[in-house]
Amino acid sequence: MYDALFGEAHIQDGVQAKWVAPTDLLVELGGEIGRGAEINNYSDNGAGTVSLFAHIGGDFGPSHAWRAGLSYLRAKVDEREFEGR
């Protein structure tokens, strides 16, 4: 998803953790912490980006499935230029 939104600028070092509930319905919760140096010029040590996500989904029929979800991304920024009103 990050590649589609931000291109190769968001490739970063980090860690991801996720939990999948042991149910018939897919319930997946997780988060990521990344350095964030490439996308936002963040130069301090520690987490430059934090992401949280939740997905639900399931099967219908022998060859079809669905999935929906929400995501949140927070990034620290150092000296990013902005041209706007």
C-alpha atoms as a PDB file:
ATOM      1  CA  MET A   1       0.000   0.000   0.000  1.00  0.00           C
ATOM      2  CA  TYR A   2       2.799   2.426   0.847  1.00  0.00           C
ATOM      3  CA  ASP A   3       4.370   1.923  -2.567  1.00  0.00           C
ATOM      4  CA  ALA A   4       1.066   2.819  -4.250  1.00  0.00           C
ATOM      5  CA  LEU A   5       0.599   5.960  -2.113  1.00  0.00           C
ATOM      6  CA  PHE A   6       4.152   7.249  -1.744  1.00  0.00           C
ATOM      7  CA  GLY A   7       6.254   5.394  -4.319  1.00  0.00           C
ATOM      8  CA  GLU A   8       9.699   4.122  -3.408  1.00  0.00           C
ATOM      9  CA  ALA A   9      10.199   7.059  -1.026  1.00  0.00           C
ATOM     10  CA  HIS A  10       8.581   5.153   1.841  1.00  0.00           C
ATOM     11  CA  ILE A  11      10.888   2.128   1.878  1.00  0.00           C
ATOM     12  CA  GLN A  12      12.210   2.112   5.448  1.00  0.00           C
ATOM     13  CA  ASP A  13      13.595   0.043   8.307  1.00  0.00           C
ATOM     14  CA  GLY A  14      11.086  -0.875  10.975  1.00  0.00           C
ATOM     15  CA  VAL A  15       9.063  -3.528  12.725  1.00  0.00           C
ATOM     16  CA  GLN A  16       5.508  -4.779  12.262  1.00  0.00           C
ATOM     17  CA  ALA A  17       3.329  -6.742  14.676  1.00  0.00           C
ATOM     18  CA  LYS A  18      -0.092  -8.155  13.903  1.00  0.00           C
ATOM     19  CA  TRP A  19      -2.634 -10.416  15.546  1.00  0.00           C
ATOM     20  CA  VAL A  20      -5.235 -12.532  13.750  1.00  0.00           C
ATOM     21  CA  ALA A  21      -8.221 -13.595  15.859  1.00  0.00           C
ATOM     22  CA  PRO A  22      -8.963 -17.334  15.936  1.00  0.00           C
ATOM     23  CA  THR A  23     -12.473 -16.983  14.438  1.00  0.00           C
ATOM     24  CA  ASP A  24     -14.260 -17.930  11.209  1.00  0.00           C
ATOM     25  CA  LEU A  25     -14.389 -14.217  10.302  1.00  0.00           C
ATOM     26  CA  LEU A  26     -10.998 -12.663   9.532  1.00  0.00           C
ATOM     27  CA  VAL A  27     -10.177 -10.120  12.237  1.00  0.00           C
ATOM     28  CA  GLU A  28      -6.647  -8.728  11.973  1.00  0.00           C
ATOM     29  CA  LEU A  29      -5.197  -5.951  14.164  1.00  0.00           C
ATOM     30  CA  GLY A  30      -1.686  -4.581  13.926  1.00  0.00           C
ATOM     31  CA  GLY A  31       0.784  -1.780  13.922  1.00  0.00           C
ATOM     32  CA  GLU A  32       4.126  -0.724  12.512  1.00  0.00           C
ATOM     33  CA  ILE A  33       6.939   1.491  13.735  1.00  0.00           C
ATOM     34  CA  GLY A  34       9.472   2.709  11.205  1.00  0.00           C
ATOM     35  CA  ARG A  35      12.486   4.992  11.053  1.00  0.00           C
ATOM     36  CA  GLY A  36      10.799   7.198   8.436  1.00  0.00           C
ATOM     37  CA  ALA A  37      13.993   8.766   7.145  1.00  0.00           C
ATOM     38  CA  GLU A  38      13.242   8.420   3.437  1.00  0.00           C
ATOM     39  CA  ILE A  39       9.749   9.870   3.192  1.00  0.00           C
ATOM     40  CA  ASN A  40       9.901  12.765   5.590  1.00  0.00           C
ATOM     41  CA  ASN A  41      13.557  13.769   6.055  1.00  0.00           C
ATOM     42  CA  TYR A  42      13.303  12.766   9.723  1.00  0.00           C
ATOM     43  CA  SER A  43      16.836  12.601  11.091  1.00  0.00           C
ATOM     44  CA  ASP A  44      16.503  11.846  14.828  1.00  0.00           C
ATOM     45  CA  ASN A  45      16.849   8.344  16.235  1.00  0.00           C
ATOM     46  CA  GLY A  46      13.636   6.519  17.010  1.00  0.00           C
ATOM     47  CA  ALA A  47      10.288   6.162  15.309  1.00  0.00           C
ATOM     48  CA  GLY A  48       9.657   8.572  12.467  1.00  0.00           C
ATOM     49  CA  THR A  49       6.451   6.840  11.365  1.00  0.00           C
ATOM     50  CA  VAL A  50       3.761   4.930  13.235  1.00  0.00           C
ATOM     51  CA  SER A  51       0.994   2.996  11.507  1.00  0.00           C
ATOM     52  CA  LEU A  52      -2.051   1.212  12.956  1.00  0.00           C
ATOM     53  CA  PHE A  53      -4.449  -0.994  11.014  1.00  0.00           C
ATOM     54  CA  ALA A  54      -7.534  -3.190  11.405  1.00  0.00           C
ATOM     55  CA  HIS A  55      -8.993  -5.566   8.821  1.00  0.00           C
ATOM     56  CA  ILE A  56     -12.078  -7.751   8.685  1.00  0.00           C
ATOM     57  CA  GLY A  57     -13.011 -10.197   5.969  1.00  0.00           C
ATOM     58  CA  GLY A  58     -14.455 -13.527   5.060  1.00  0.00           C
ATOM     59  CA  ASP A  59     -15.320 -16.002   2.347  1.00  0.00           C
ATOM     60  CA  PHE A  60     -18.467 -16.274   0.295  1.00  0.00           C
ATOM     61  CA  GLY A  61     -18.757 -19.120  -2.112  1.00  0.00           C
ATOM     62  CA  PRO A  62     -15.981 -21.550  -2.999  1.00  0.00           C
ATOM     63  CA  SER A  63     -13.785 -19.015  -4.833  1.00  0.00           C
ATOM     64  CA  HIS A  64     -14.654 -15.537  -3.538  1.00  0.00           C
ATOM     65  CA  ALA A  65     -13.587 -13.546  -0.513  1.00  0.00           C
ATOM     66  CA  TRP A  66     -13.951  -9.987   0.799  1.00  0.00           C
ATOM     67  CA  ARG A  67     -11.833  -7.785   3.032  1.00  0.00           C
ATOM     68  CA  ALA A  68     -12.271  -4.275   4.444  1.00  0.00           C
ATOM     69  CA  GLY A  69     -10.099  -2.227   6.734  1.00  0.00           C
ATOM     70  CA  LEU A  70      -8.976   1.022   8.254  1.00  0.00           C
ATOM     71  CA  SER A  71      -5.448   2.391   8.510  1.00  0.00           C
ATOM     72  CA  TYR A  72      -3.783   5.296  10.295  1.00  0.00           C
ATOM     73  CA  LEU A  73      -0.325   6.681   9.485  1.00  0.00           C
ATOM     74  CA  ARG A  74       1.509   9.364  11.490  1.00  0.00           C
ATOM     75  CA  ALA A  75       4.859  10.725  10.356  1.00  0.00           C
ATOM     76  CA  LYS A  76       7.265  13.212  11.937  1.00  0.00           C
ATOM     77  CA  VAL A  77       8.606  15.759   9.464  1.00  0.00           C
ATOM     78  CA  ASP A  78      11.775  17.873   9.511  1.00  0.00           C
ATOM     79  CA  GLU A  79      12.039  20.896   7.231  1.00  0.00           C
ATOM     80  CA  ARG A  80       9.645  19.809   4.496  1.00  0.00           C
ATOM     81  CA  GLU A  81       8.845  22.530   1.976  1.00  0.00           C
ATOM     82  CA  PHE A  82       5.216  23.259   1.184  1.00  0.00           C
ATOM     83  CA  GLU A  83       3.845  25.500  -1.524  1.00  0.00           C
ATOM     84  CA  GLY A  84       0.240  26.362  -0.862  1.00  0.00           C
ATOM     85  CA  ARG A  85      -2.137  28.994   0.374  1.00  0.00           C
END
